[in-house]
Amino acid sequence: MRLVLGECGGNESAAVRRYRQLYPRRRRQPDRRTIEAVERRLRETGSVATTRGSGGGRPHTITPALEQSILDAVYDDPTTSVRRLARQFGVSNSEVILIRYLKMIEREDDKSSGNGF
């Protein structure tokens, strides 16, 4: 990306067009703001890596007790939305979905093995 920007004389819009010509099969194409941000980050920090830390994103905060609380809330009201549960327990939507999915698989395994349910 940086080389393409240099080839285009520092013009981000021209770099976007040139990048698309060079890499037409890439699923995600950078826009002007992305190229601008990478260039700025490189100038300011000397690296193109983000400063989010290792892995970035929200850390996993699910403890067995929290998982059980979420499952209890679902049991009490199965119509409660994933978003509402995530806000209520301070976790991401995907973590709530994962807990519900894993519990569903666990129940299916119990049914198929004859352990009851």
N, C-alpha and C. Protein backbone atom coordinates (compact mmCIF):
# COMPACT_ATOMS: atom_id res chain seq x y z
N MET A 1 0.83 -1.18 0.00
CA MET A 1 0.00 0.00 0.00
C MET A 1 0.88 1.25 0.00
N ARG A 2 1.89 1.23 0.83
CA ARG A 2 2.79 2.37 0.93
C ARG A 2 3.53 2.61 -0.38
N LEU A 3 3.93 1.53 -1.03
CA LEU A 3 4.63 1.66 -2.31
C LEU A 3 3.72 2.24 -3.39
N VAL A 4 2.48 1.82 -3.39
CA VAL A 4 1.51 2.34 -4.36
C VAL A 4 1.29 3.82 -4.11
N LEU A 5 1.21 4.22 -2.84
CA LEU A 5 1.05 5.63 -2.51
C LEU A 5 2.24 6.44 -3.01
N GLY A 6 3.44 5.91 -2.82
CA GLY A 6 4.63 6.59 -3.33
C GLY A 6 4.63 6.69 -4.84
N GLU A 7 4.20 5.63 -5.49
CA GLU A 7 4.11 5.61 -6.96
C GLU A 7 3.15 6.70 -7.45
N CYS A 8 2.14 7.00 -6.65
CA CYS A 8 1.13 7.98 -7.03
C CYS A 8 1.44 9.37 -6.48
N GLY A 9 2.65 9.58 -6.03
CA GLY A 9 3.06 10.91 -5.57
C GLY A 9 2.37 11.38 -4.30
N GLY A 10 1.95 10.43 -3.45
CA GLY A 10 1.31 10.81 -2.20
C GLY A 10 -0.17 11.12 -2.32
N ASN A 11 -0.74 10.94 -3.48
CA ASN A 11 -2.16 11.21 -3.71
C ASN A 11 -2.97 9.96 -3.34
N GLU A 12 -3.70 10.04 -2.21
CA GLU A 12 -4.43 8.87 -1.71
C GLU A 12 -5.49 8.38 -2.68
N SER A 13 -6.23 9.29 -3.31
CA SER A 13 -7.28 8.88 -4.25
C SER A 13 -6.70 8.15 -5.45
N ALA A 14 -5.59 8.65 -5.96
CA ALA A 14 -4.93 7.97 -7.08
C ALA A 14 -4.38 6.62 -6.64
N ALA A 15 -3.91 6.54 -5.40
CA ALA A 15 -3.38 5.28 -4.86
C ALA A 15 -4.49 4.24 -4.75
N VAL A 16 -5.69 4.66 -4.37
CA VAL A 16 -6.82 3.74 -4.29
C VAL A 16 -7.11 3.16 -5.67
N ARG A 17 -7.16 4.02 -6.68
CA ARG A 17 -7.43 3.54 -8.03
C ARG A 17 -6.34 2.59 -8.51
N ARG A 18 -5.09 2.95 -8.28
CA ARG A 18 -3.96 2.12 -8.72
C ARG A 18 -3.94 0.78 -7.98
N TYR A 19 -4.23 0.81 -6.69
CA TYR A 19 -4.26 -0.42 -5.89
C TYR A 19 -5.31 -1.38 -6.44
N ARG A 20 -6.47 -0.83 -6.82
CA ARG A 20 -7.53 -1.67 -7.40
C ARG A 20 -7.12 -2.26 -8.74
N GLN A 21 -6.32 -1.51 -9.50
CA GLN A 21 -5.82 -2.03 -10.77
C GLN A 21 -4.83 -3.16 -10.54
N LEU A 22 -3.94 -2.97 -9.56
CA LEU A 22 -2.90 -3.97 -9.29
C LEU A 22 -3.44 -5.22 -8.63
N TYR A 23 -4.44 -5.08 -7.78
CA TYR A 23 -4.96 -6.21 -7.00
C TYR A 23 -6.48 -6.32 -7.15
N PRO A 24 -6.96 -6.61 -8.34
CA PRO A 24 -8.40 -6.63 -8.58
C PRO A 24 -9.15 -7.77 -7.86
N ARG A 25 -8.45 -8.82 -7.50
CA ARG A 25 -9.11 -9.98 -6.89
C ARG A 25 -9.17 -9.92 -5.36
N ARG A 26 -8.61 -8.90 -4.79
CA ARG A 26 -8.67 -8.77 -3.32
C ARG A 26 -10.10 -8.48 -2.91
N ARG A 27 -10.57 -9.21 -1.94
CA ARG A 27 -11.95 -9.03 -1.49
C ARG A 27 -12.15 -7.68 -0.83
N ARG A 28 -11.18 -7.27 -0.04
CA ARG A 28 -11.30 -5.99 0.67
C ARG A 28 -10.30 -5.01 0.08
N GLN A 29 -10.84 -3.98 -0.51
CA GLN A 29 -10.01 -2.94 -1.11
C GLN A 29 -9.94 -1.75 -0.16
N PRO A 30 -8.75 -1.18 0.05
CA PRO A 30 -8.67 -0.01 0.94
C PRO A 30 -9.29 1.22 0.28
N ASP A 31 -9.86 2.08 1.11
CA ASP A 31 -10.34 3.35 0.59
C ASP A 31 -9.32 4.44 0.95
N ARG A 32 -9.61 5.66 0.58
CA ARG A 32 -8.68 6.77 0.80
C ARG A 32 -8.34 6.94 2.27
N ARG A 33 -9.34 6.80 3.13
CA ARG A 33 -9.11 6.99 4.57
C ARG A 33 -8.19 5.92 5.14
N THR A 34 -8.31 4.69 4.63
CA THR A 34 -7.44 3.61 5.10
C THR A 34 -5.99 3.89 4.74
N ILE A 35 -5.77 4.28 3.51
CA ILE A 35 -4.41 4.58 3.07
C ILE A 35 -3.87 5.77 3.84
N GLU A 36 -4.70 6.76 4.05
CA GLU A 36 -4.30 7.94 4.83
C GLU A 36 -3.92 7.55 6.27
N ALA A 37 -4.72 6.69 6.89
CA ALA A 37 -4.46 6.26 8.27
C ALA A 37 -3.17 5.45 8.37
N VAL A 38 -2.93 4.57 7.41
CA VAL A 38 -1.70 3.77 7.42
C VAL A 38 -0.49 4.68 7.27
N GLU A 39 -0.57 5.62 6.37
CA GLU A 39 0.54 6.57 6.15
C GLU A 39 0.79 7.39 7.42
N ARG A 40 -0.26 7.91 8.03
CA ARG A 40 -0.12 8.70 9.26
C ARG A 40 0.49 7.86 10.39
N ARG A 41 -0.01 6.63 10.55
CA ARG A 41 0.49 5.75 11.60
C ARG A 41 1.96 5.45 11.39
N LEU A 42 2.36 5.25 10.14
CA LEU A 42 3.76 4.98 9.83
C LEU A 42 4.64 6.17 10.17
N ARG A 43 4.16 7.37 9.82
CA ARG A 43 4.94 8.57 10.14
C ARG A 43 5.04 8.81 11.65
N GLU A 44 3.94 8.60 12.35
CA GLU A 44 3.91 8.90 13.79
C GLU A 44 4.60 7.86 14.65
N THR A 45 4.46 6.59 14.29
CA THR A 45 4.98 5.53 15.16
C THR A 45 6.14 4.75 14.55
N GLY A 46 6.34 4.89 13.25
CA GLY A 46 7.39 4.12 12.59
C GLY A 46 6.96 2.70 12.24
N SER A 47 5.68 2.40 12.46
CA SER A 47 5.15 1.07 12.18
C SER A 47 3.74 1.21 11.63
N VAL A 48 3.32 0.23 10.84
CA VAL A 48 1.96 0.23 10.34
C VAL A 48 1.03 -0.57 11.25
N ALA A 49 1.60 -1.22 12.27
CA ALA A 49 0.80 -2.01 13.20
C ALA A 49 -0.08 -1.09 14.04
N THR A 50 -1.28 -1.56 14.34
CA THR A 50 -2.18 -0.80 15.20
C THR A 50 -1.69 -0.88 16.64
N THR A 51 -2.15 0.04 17.46
CA THR A 51 -1.70 0.09 18.85
C THR A 51 -2.74 -0.50 19.79
N ARG A 52 -3.59 -1.37 19.29
CA ARG A 52 -4.65 -1.95 20.11
C ARG A 52 -4.13 -2.98 21.11
N GLY A 53 -2.90 -3.36 21.02
CA GLY A 53 -2.38 -4.39 21.91
C GLY A 53 -2.42 -5.73 21.21
N SER A 54 -2.21 -6.77 21.96
CA SER A 54 -2.17 -8.09 21.35
C SER A 54 -3.57 -8.57 21.00
N GLY A 55 -3.81 -8.75 19.73
CA GLY A 55 -5.09 -9.28 19.29
C GLY A 55 -6.19 -8.26 19.12
N GLY A 56 -6.17 -7.18 19.87
CA GLY A 56 -7.21 -6.17 19.77
C GLY A 56 -8.56 -6.69 20.21
N GLY A 57 -9.53 -5.84 20.16
CA GLY A 57 -10.88 -6.23 20.53
C GLY A 57 -11.09 -6.34 22.02
N ARG A 58 -12.28 -6.70 22.37
CA ARG A 58 -12.67 -6.82 23.77
C ARG A 58 -12.12 -8.13 24.34
N PRO A 59 -11.52 -8.09 25.53
CA PRO A 59 -11.02 -9.34 26.13
C PRO A 59 -12.18 -10.25 26.53
N HIS A 60 -11.93 -11.53 26.53
CA HIS A 60 -12.96 -12.48 26.95
C HIS A 60 -13.12 -12.39 28.46
N THR A 61 -14.35 -12.20 28.89
CA THR A 61 -14.62 -12.00 30.31
C THR A 61 -15.61 -13.02 30.85
N ILE A 62 -15.81 -14.09 30.12
CA ILE A 62 -16.82 -15.05 30.50
C ILE A 62 -16.26 -16.02 31.54
N THR A 63 -16.83 -15.97 32.71
CA THR A 63 -16.52 -16.93 33.76
C THR A 63 -17.65 -17.95 33.81
N PRO A 64 -17.42 -19.08 34.43
CA PRO A 64 -18.52 -20.06 34.54
C PRO A 64 -19.76 -19.47 35.22
N ALA A 65 -19.56 -18.63 36.23
CA ALA A 65 -20.70 -18.02 36.93
C ALA A 65 -21.46 -17.07 36.00
N LEU A 66 -20.72 -16.28 35.21
CA LEU A 66 -21.37 -15.36 34.27
C LEU A 66 -22.10 -16.14 33.18
N GLU A 67 -21.47 -17.21 32.70
CA GLU A 67 -22.12 -18.05 31.70
C GLU A 67 -23.44 -18.60 32.24
N GLN A 68 -23.42 -19.06 33.47
CA GLN A 68 -24.64 -19.60 34.07
C GLN A 68 -25.70 -18.52 34.24
N SER A 69 -25.27 -17.31 34.60
CA SER A 69 -26.22 -16.20 34.74
C SER A 69 -26.90 -15.88 33.41
N ILE A 70 -26.12 -15.90 32.35
CA ILE A 70 -26.68 -15.63 31.02
C ILE A 70 -27.67 -16.74 30.64
N LEU A 71 -27.29 -17.99 30.88
CA LEU A 71 -28.18 -19.10 30.56
C LEU A 71 -29.45 -19.06 31.41
N ASP A 72 -29.33 -18.65 32.67
CA ASP A 72 -30.50 -18.52 33.52
C ASP A 72 -31.45 -17.44 32.98
N ALA A 73 -30.87 -16.33 32.51
CA ALA A 73 -31.68 -15.25 31.95
C ALA A 73 -32.41 -15.72 30.69
N VAL A 74 -31.73 -16.52 29.88
CA VAL A 74 -32.36 -17.07 28.67
C VAL A 74 -33.47 -18.04 29.07
N TYR A 75 -33.22 -18.84 30.08
CA TYR A 75 -34.22 -19.80 30.54
C TYR A 75 -35.46 -19.07 31.08
N ASP A 76 -35.22 -17.99 31.83
CA ASP A 76 -36.33 -17.21 32.39
C ASP A 76 -37.18 -16.56 31.31
N ASP A 77 -36.52 -16.05 30.26
CA ASP A 77 -37.25 -15.40 29.16
C ASP A 77 -36.54 -15.71 27.85
N PRO A 78 -36.91 -16.79 27.18
CA PRO A 78 -36.24 -17.19 25.94
C PRO A 78 -36.36 -16.17 24.81
N THR A 79 -37.27 -15.21 24.94
CA THR A 79 -37.45 -14.22 23.87
C THR A 79 -36.52 -13.01 24.03
N THR A 80 -35.74 -12.97 25.10
CA THR A 80 -34.82 -11.86 25.31
C THR A 80 -33.79 -11.83 24.18
N SER A 81 -33.54 -10.65 23.63
CA SER A 81 -32.63 -10.55 22.50
C SER A 81 -31.18 -10.69 22.94
N VAL A 82 -30.35 -11.08 21.99
CA VAL A 82 -28.92 -11.21 22.24
C VAL A 82 -28.34 -9.86 22.63
N ARG A 83 -28.77 -8.80 21.96
CA ARG A 83 -28.26 -7.46 22.29
C ARG A 83 -28.58 -7.07 23.72
N ARG A 84 -29.81 -7.34 24.13
CA ARG A 84 -30.20 -7.00 25.50
C ARG A 84 -29.38 -7.78 26.52
N LEU A 85 -29.18 -9.08 26.27
CA LEU A 85 -28.36 -9.89 27.17
C LEU A 85 -26.92 -9.38 27.22
N ALA A 86 -26.38 -9.04 26.06
CA ALA A 86 -25.01 -8.54 26.01
C ALA A 86 -24.86 -7.26 26.82
N ARG A 87 -25.82 -6.34 26.66
CA ARG A 87 -25.77 -5.09 27.44
C ARG A 87 -25.93 -5.36 28.92
N GLN A 88 -26.87 -6.23 29.26
CA GLN A 88 -27.17 -6.53 30.66
C GLN A 88 -25.97 -7.12 31.39
N PHE A 89 -25.21 -7.98 30.69
CA PHE A 89 -24.10 -8.67 31.35
C PHE A 89 -22.73 -8.11 30.98
N GLY A 90 -22.69 -7.08 30.13
CA GLY A 90 -21.43 -6.42 29.80
C GLY A 90 -20.49 -7.27 28.96
N VAL A 91 -21.05 -8.06 28.06
CA VAL A 91 -20.24 -8.88 27.16
C VAL A 91 -20.64 -8.57 25.73
N SER A 92 -19.89 -9.12 24.78
CA SER A 92 -20.21 -8.86 23.38
C SER A 92 -21.37 -9.73 22.92
N ASN A 93 -22.03 -9.30 21.86
CA ASN A 93 -23.12 -10.07 21.27
C ASN A 93 -22.63 -11.46 20.88
N SER A 94 -21.42 -11.53 20.29
CA SER A 94 -20.91 -12.82 19.83
C SER A 94 -20.67 -13.77 20.99
N GLU A 95 -20.30 -13.26 22.15
CA GLU A 95 -20.09 -14.14 23.30
C GLU A 95 -21.42 -14.73 23.77
N VAL A 96 -22.47 -13.93 23.75
CA VAL A 96 -23.80 -14.44 24.13
C VAL A 96 -24.24 -15.50 23.13
N ILE A 97 -24.04 -15.24 21.85
CA ILE A 97 -24.42 -16.20 20.81
C ILE A 97 -23.64 -17.50 21.00
N LEU A 98 -22.34 -17.39 21.28
CA LEU A 98 -21.51 -18.57 21.46
C LEU A 98 -21.99 -19.39 22.65
N ILE A 99 -22.31 -18.75 23.76
CA ILE A 99 -22.79 -19.47 24.95
C ILE A 99 -24.08 -20.21 24.62
N ARG A 100 -25.00 -19.51 23.96
CA ARG A 100 -26.28 -20.14 23.62
C ARG A 100 -26.08 -21.31 22.65
N TYR A 101 -25.19 -21.14 21.68
CA TYR A 101 -24.91 -22.18 20.70
C TYR A 101 -24.28 -23.40 21.36
N LEU A 102 -23.27 -23.17 22.21
CA LEU A 102 -22.61 -24.28 22.88
C LEU A 102 -23.58 -25.04 23.78
N LYS A 103 -24.46 -24.31 24.44
CA LYS A 103 -25.45 -24.96 25.31
C LYS A 103 -26.41 -25.80 24.47
N MET A 104 -26.79 -25.29 23.30
CA MET A 104 -27.69 -26.03 22.41
C MET A 104 -27.02 -27.34 21.97
N ILE A 105 -25.73 -27.27 21.60
CA ILE A 105 -25.00 -28.47 21.18
C ILE A 105 -24.90 -29.45 22.34
N GLU A 106 -24.62 -28.93 23.52
CA GLU A 106 -24.51 -29.78 24.72
C GLU A 106 -25.82 -30.52 24.97
N ARG A 107 -26.94 -29.82 24.81
CA ARG A 107 -28.24 -30.46 25.02
C ARG A 107 -28.51 -31.52 23.97
N GLU A 108 -28.12 -31.25 22.71
CA GLU A 108 -28.31 -32.24 21.65
C GLU A 108 -27.47 -33.47 21.92
N ASP A 109 -26.23 -33.27 22.41
CA ASP A 109 -25.38 -34.41 22.76
C ASP A 109 -25.98 -35.25 23.88
N ASP A 110 -26.56 -34.54 24.87
CA ASP A 110 -27.20 -35.25 25.97
C ASP A 110 -28.38 -36.08 25.48
N LYS A 111 -29.18 -35.53 24.57
CA LYS A 111 -30.33 -36.25 24.03
C LYS A 111 -29.89 -37.48 23.26
N SER A 112 -28.87 -37.34 22.42
CA SER A 112 -28.43 -38.44 21.58
C SER A 112 -27.72 -39.53 22.36
N SER A 113 -27.11 -39.20 23.50
CA SER A 113 -26.40 -40.20 24.29
C SER A 113 -27.31 -40.86 25.32
N GLY A 114 -28.54 -40.38 25.44
CA GLY A 114 -29.47 -40.98 26.36
C GLY A 114 -29.30 -40.52 27.80
N ASN A 115 -28.57 -39.42 28.01
CA ASN A 115 -28.37 -38.90 29.37
C ASN A 115 -29.54 -38.08 29.84
N GLY A 116 -30.58 -37.99 29.06
CA GLY A 116 -31.75 -37.24 29.44
C GLY A 116 -31.65 -35.77 29.12
N PHE A 117 -32.72 -35.11 29.43
CA PHE A 117 -32.83 -33.65 29.27
C PHE A 117 -34.17 -33.21 29.71
